[in-house]
Amino acid sequence: MNDLTLESLAKRVEALEKVFATKEPETLEWIDRIPEKSVLWDIGANVGLYSCYAAKARGCRVFAFEPSVFNLEILARNIFLNQLTDQITIVPGEFASADANTSDNAPLGAISSQQIFQQVFSSAILTNLSIGELITGIGFRVEGNESDLPAQTISEYDISLSQSPNAPGDLSATFADNRGADFTTVRSGPLTINAGDFPGGSSPNNFGWISFCRYHPHVI
């Protein structure tokens, strides 16, 4: 089998690389016994270590099921880096196949004047993240059946993360009062959106991704 190429976007992924052959040797042994050209469902594919191994070592047709949007970007990159896009299909979580029930055009709308937005999300929607897992970026998608987000450069696009002392629906009108002690700026500076980065025309549309320059641990 040719060597696997793995994209390391977080310490967690680097750790997985180091223990790849020793962490679950029985899984590798099982994959090695799969008949060649089999169809494999990898439930909880994470960043694609075993999906890519099965596709390369046994020529499998793999369906990689992964519910965490934070893993999907790394999973997709690992499939691309190993030239396995014809063999591995990503099957994302349940929320990836349905439009949300509210629209939010603020974070990526074509706004000429400077704007500041603050959003608080319940920890109940982050249950796929483990304590200490690094948040490496954020995904948005265009509302169903809307047009592609046009190519543009936003001169200053900063994102900061923290816990909040206030629950959704019970926020203070003063932004600073909703910030936790771990308030961290995870990206800053210009943001260039290329044509096709945030596609439209479908329902639901595919997610576009904004990577962070500094990763933030999930703590709840």
Foldseek 3Di string as FASTA:
>chain_A
DDDFDFDDLDPVVVVCVVCVCPPCVVLVVVLLPDAAQAEEEAAQCQLPSSVLCSCVNRVYQYEYEHADPQRVVRNVVSCVVSVNPVRYHYDYHPPQQAFDPDDDCPLQPPDPDDDDDDDDDDCVVVVVADFFDWRWWDKDADAAQDAFRAWDKDFKRKDKDAQFPDDVVGDDPDVVNGHDPPIDTFAIGMDTDHPPQHGYRHGVGGIHIDTTNHIDGDHD
